[in-house]
Amino acid sequence: MADLVYPPVIVVIKTLWKYLGLKFDFSGDEHIPPKGGAILAINHVSYLDFAIVGTAVLPVGRLVRFMAKKEIFDHKIAGPLMRGMHHINVDRSNGSASFVAALRALKSGEIIGIFPEGTTSTSFEIKELKSGAVRLAMGAGVPIIPTIIWGSQRIWTKGIKRNLRRNHFPVTVAFGEPIFYERGGDVEKSELHLRQTLLAMLYQVQENYPDSHVGQRWAPARLGGTAPAPLN
């Protein structure tokens, strides 16, 4: 698969990070396989999560193909870029096509990035998960790498005015140990296990985060922040 679009986009993204002065803390990339298919199951707190997680994977020498909603692919600027980087179009009215495309990519050795909550969490807690990531992992026989991102919601997220000034925000990405779910296994049980794994990782990342969450709009009420309560 030729990647003519991805490299220049990476240069632009890295320039943006430099401009923003972000303080990245990436850990656990030893859990990302150097070759072969795998799924990154990522919590979703901001509009920049895909770009930041993609950046965190670069030292391993892998490019992530993200599953993203159809509306992004329909955008006159973003759409051609998404297709050029071989990301996967998710049409919620016809989910089977995107599932097949992702399954094919995994079997050909690609890393697929999935936000199993299905949408950005306005509470910044982990919502109930959709079953797609687990079903894909079982169908393709590949591991899921549980992935947590934190701090990106301070830049640009749903319901909060974006802040693209040079702020030196700390942003964490943590990759967990690979999880293998047996083909034909209990999807609901596996989905619950994945969510519990992501929750445990999120709490650890939040505990180690250098800035206080107390009184902050970008922080959940559980940590003393003022974000809305979870809807589920």
Protein backbone atom coordinates (compact mmCIF):
# COMPACT_ATOMS: atom_id res chain seq x y z
CA MET A 1 0.00 0.00 0.00
CA ALA A 2 1.64 3.22 -1.16
CA ASP A 3 1.70 6.03 1.39
CA LEU A 4 2.18 9.27 -0.54
CA VAL A 5 -0.15 11.42 1.59
CA TYR A 6 0.67 10.25 5.11
CA PRO A 7 4.32 11.49 5.29
CA PRO A 8 3.62 15.15 4.43
CA VAL A 9 0.62 15.17 6.78
CA ILE A 10 2.91 13.92 9.56
CA VAL A 11 5.25 16.85 8.92
CA VAL A 12 2.33 19.30 9.21
CA ILE A 13 1.07 17.64 12.40
CA LYS A 14 4.51 17.69 14.03
CA THR A 15 4.81 21.38 13.14
CA LEU A 16 1.47 21.99 14.90
CA TRP A 17 2.68 20.19 18.03
CA LYS A 18 5.83 22.29 18.03
CA TYR A 19 3.80 25.49 17.67
CA LEU A 20 1.51 24.49 20.55
CA GLY A 21 4.48 23.56 22.71
CA LEU A 22 2.80 20.39 23.94
CA LYS A 23 4.65 18.31 26.53
CA PHE A 24 4.11 14.73 25.39
CA ASP A 25 4.47 11.72 27.66
CA PHE A 26 4.30 8.58 25.52
CA SER A 27 4.73 5.20 27.18
CA GLY A 28 4.22 1.53 26.41
CA ASP A 29 5.10 1.55 22.72
CA GLU A 30 6.99 -1.71 23.29
CA HIS A 31 3.53 -3.31 23.31
CA ILE A 32 2.91 -2.32 19.68
CA PRO A 33 3.93 -5.15 17.34
CA PRO A 34 6.67 -4.15 14.85
CA LYS A 35 4.73 -5.95 12.13
CA GLY A 36 1.39 -7.63 11.65
CA GLY A 37 -2.18 -6.58 12.36
CA ALA A 38 -3.34 -5.09 15.64
CA ILE A 39 -6.10 -2.85 16.99
CA LEU A 40 -5.55 0.24 19.12
CA ALA A 41 -8.67 0.61 21.29
CA ILE A 42 -8.54 4.25 22.40
CA ASN A 43 -10.61 6.35 24.81
CA HIS A 44 -11.95 9.51 23.17
CA VAL A 45 -11.68 12.92 24.84
CA SER A 46 -10.87 15.36 22.04
CA TYR A 47 -10.91 16.05 18.32
CA LEU A 48 -7.11 15.68 18.20
CA ASP A 49 -6.89 12.18 19.67
CA PHE A 50 -6.31 10.42 16.35
CA ALA A 51 -3.43 12.74 15.40
CA ILE A 52 -1.76 12.53 18.81
CA VAL A 53 -2.06 8.74 19.10
CA GLY A 54 -0.78 8.42 15.54
CA THR A 55 2.23 10.54 16.53
CA ALA A 56 2.87 8.33 19.56
CA VAL A 57 3.09 5.25 17.33
CA LEU A 58 5.61 6.72 14.88
CA PRO A 59 8.77 5.70 16.84
CA VAL A 60 7.77 2.07 16.29
CA GLY A 61 7.80 2.68 12.55
CA ARG A 62 4.09 1.95 12.08
CA LEU A 63 1.28 4.02 10.58
CA VAL A 64 -2.20 3.75 12.06
CA ARG A 65 -5.31 3.50 9.88
CA PHE A 66 -8.12 5.06 11.88
CA MET A 67 -11.79 4.25 11.63
CA ALA A 68 -13.61 7.59 11.37
CA LYS A 69 -17.16 8.72 10.75
CA LYS A 70 -18.39 9.29 7.21
CA GLU A 71 -18.89 13.04 7.77
CA ILE A 72 -15.11 13.56 7.93
CA PHE A 73 -14.66 11.76 4.62
CA ASP A 74 -17.38 13.95 3.10
CA HIS A 75 -15.48 17.16 3.97
CA LYS A 76 -13.94 18.77 0.89
CA ILE A 77 -10.49 19.14 2.50
CA ALA A 78 -10.34 16.42 5.15
CA GLY A 79 -11.96 13.78 2.92
CA PRO A 80 -9.20 13.49 0.30
CA LEU A 81 -6.57 13.47 3.06
CA MET A 82 -8.36 10.71 4.96
CA ARG A 83 -8.66 8.58 1.84
CA GLY A 84 -5.04 9.30 0.89
CA MET A 85 -3.90 8.05 4.31
CA HIS A 86 -6.04 4.92 3.87
CA HIS A 87 -8.18 5.55 6.92
CA ILE A 88 -11.48 3.66 7.05
CA ASN A 89 -14.81 5.32 6.39
CA VAL A 90 -17.50 4.39 8.94
CA ASP A 91 -21.00 4.90 7.60
CA ARG A 92 -23.28 4.25 10.58
CA SER A 93 -26.16 3.48 8.22
CA ASN A 94 -24.10 0.68 6.63
CA GLY A 95 -21.68 -0.57 9.25
CA SER A 96 -21.01 -3.90 7.55
CA ALA A 97 -18.94 -2.27 4.78
CA SER A 98 -16.58 -0.56 7.23
CA PHE A 99 -16.31 -3.76 9.28
CA VAL A 100 -15.27 -5.72 6.20
CA ALA A 101 -12.78 -3.01 5.17
CA ALA A 102 -11.21 -3.01 8.65
CA LEU A 103 -11.10 -6.81 8.75
CA ARG A 104 -9.33 -6.87 5.39
CA ALA A 105 -6.81 -4.26 6.57
CA LEU A 106 -6.05 -6.18 9.77
CA LYS A 107 -5.52 -9.44 7.89
CA SER A 108 -3.11 -7.63 5.56
CA GLY A 109 -1.02 -6.56 8.57
CA GLU A 110 -2.24 -3.03 9.27
CA ILE A 111 -2.71 -1.36 12.65
CA ILE A 112 -6.26 -0.06 13.00
CA GLY A 113 -7.18 2.71 15.44
CA ILE A 114 -10.67 2.48 16.94
CA PHE A 115 -12.51 4.66 19.44
CA PRO A 116 -14.82 1.98 20.87
CA GLU A 117 -16.98 4.51 22.74
CA GLY A 118 -18.16 5.63 19.31
CA THR A 119 -18.04 9.35 20.10
CA THR A 120 -16.19 11.92 22.17
CA SER A 121 -16.90 11.66 25.89
CA THR A 122 -18.06 15.03 27.21
CA SER A 123 -17.71 13.82 30.80
CA PHE A 124 -14.13 12.65 30.06
CA GLU A 125 -15.02 9.32 31.63
CA ILE A 126 -15.07 6.13 29.56
CA LYS A 127 -18.53 5.50 28.17
CA GLU A 128 -20.03 2.10 27.44
CA LEU A 129 -18.16 0.48 24.56
CA LYS A 130 -19.44 -0.62 21.18
CA SER A 131 -18.58 -4.22 20.29
CA GLY A 132 -16.78 -3.53 16.99
CA ALA A 133 -13.22 -3.60 18.32
CA VAL A 134 -13.68 -6.93 20.07
CA ARG A 135 -15.49 -8.51 17.11
CA LEU A 136 -12.78 -7.33 14.72
CA ALA A 137 -10.02 -8.68 16.97
CA MET A 138 -11.76 -12.04 17.19
CA GLY A 139 -12.47 -12.17 13.46
CA ALA A 140 -8.95 -11.22 12.36
CA GLY A 141 -7.11 -13.09 15.12
CA VAL A 142 -5.15 -9.98 16.13
CA PRO A 143 -4.43 -8.40 19.53
CA ILE A 144 -6.09 -5.33 20.96
CA ILE A 145 -3.69 -2.75 22.41
CA PRO A 146 -5.66 -0.78 25.05
CA THR A 147 -4.70 2.87 24.66
CA ILE A 148 -5.34 5.87 26.89
CA ILE A 149 -4.96 9.52 25.93
CA TRP A 150 -5.30 12.33 28.46
CA GLY A 151 -4.80 16.09 28.32
CA SER A 152 -5.78 16.56 24.67
CA GLN A 153 -9.23 17.75 25.77
CA ARG A 154 -7.56 20.91 27.06
CA ILE A 155 -6.85 21.91 23.46
CA TRP A 156 -9.97 21.11 21.45
CA THR A 157 -13.00 19.09 22.45
CA LYS A 158 -16.77 19.02 22.30
CA GLY A 159 -18.56 21.69 24.31
CA ILE A 160 -15.46 23.74 25.18
CA LYS A 161 -13.98 26.61 23.20
CA ARG A 162 -10.81 25.42 21.49
CA ASN A 163 -7.52 26.73 22.78
CA LEU A 164 -4.83 26.74 20.08
CA ARG A 165 -2.52 29.16 21.83
CA ARG A 166 0.98 28.10 22.83
CA ASN A 167 0.22 26.62 26.25
CA HIS A 168 2.68 23.81 26.94
CA PHE A 169 -0.10 21.45 28.04
CA PRO A 170 0.96 17.99 29.24
CA VAL A 171 -0.55 15.28 27.01
CA THR A 172 -0.23 11.60 27.89
CA VAL A 173 -0.59 8.54 25.68
CA ALA A 174 -0.20 5.13 27.31
CA PHE A 175 -0.26 1.80 25.46
CA GLY A 176 -1.18 -1.27 27.49
CA GLU A 177 -0.22 -4.91 27.11
CA PRO A 178 -1.78 -6.72 24.13
CA ILE A 179 -5.04 -8.54 24.79
CA PHE A 180 -6.01 -11.59 22.74
CA TYR A 181 -9.69 -12.50 22.61
CA GLU A 182 -10.43 -16.02 21.41
CA ARG A 183 -12.23 -16.41 18.11
CA GLY A 184 -15.84 -17.33 18.81
CA GLY A 185 -15.56 -16.16 22.42
CA ASP A 186 -18.12 -14.27 24.49
CA VAL A 187 -18.24 -10.79 22.90
CA GLU A 188 -20.13 -9.16 25.76
CA LYS A 189 -17.77 -10.55 28.40
CA SER A 190 -14.73 -9.53 26.35
CA GLU A 191 -16.14 -6.04 25.83
CA LEU A 192 -16.61 -5.65 29.59
CA HIS A 193 -13.04 -6.83 30.18
CA LEU A 194 -11.72 -4.30 27.66
CA ARG A 195 -13.63 -1.46 29.32
CA GLN A 196 -12.35 -2.45 32.76
CA THR A 197 -8.80 -2.51 31.39
CA LEU A 198 -9.20 0.95 29.86
CA LEU A 199 -10.68 2.31 33.10
CA ALA A 200 -7.79 0.99 35.19
CA MET A 201 -5.30 2.51 32.75
CA LEU A 202 -7.15 5.84 32.67
CA TYR A 203 -7.15 6.12 36.46
CA GLN A 204 -3.41 5.40 36.54
CA VAL A 205 -2.70 8.02 33.87
CA GLN A 206 -4.83 10.58 35.70
CA GLU A 207 -3.07 9.83 38.99
CA ASN A 208 0.31 10.50 37.36
CA TYR A 209 -0.81 13.58 35.40
CA PRO A 210 1.33 16.57 36.48
CA ASP A 211 -1.43 19.23 36.55
CA SER A 212 -4.26 19.42 39.07
CA HIS A 213 -7.75 18.45 37.93
CA VAL A 214 -9.55 20.33 40.71
CA GLY A 215 -11.96 22.99 39.48
CA GLN A 216 -11.06 22.43 35.82
CA ARG A 217 -13.71 22.29 33.09
CA TRP A 218 -11.63 19.68 31.24
CA ALA A 219 -11.61 17.31 34.22
CA PRO A 220 -14.32 14.88 35.39
CA ALA A 221 -16.33 15.49 38.53
CA ARG A 222 -14.78 12.35 40.02
CA LEU A 223 -11.45 14.24 40.20
CA GLY A 224 -12.93 17.54 41.37
CA GLY A 225 -13.42 18.95 37.88
CA THR A 226 -16.53 20.63 36.51
CA ALA A 227 -17.19 18.53 33.39
CA PRO A 228 -20.77 17.28 32.93
CA ALA A 229 -21.77 14.06 34.65
CA PRO A 230 -21.58 10.88 32.55
CA LEU A 231 -24.70 10.08 30.54
CA ASN A 232 -24.36 6.34 31.18
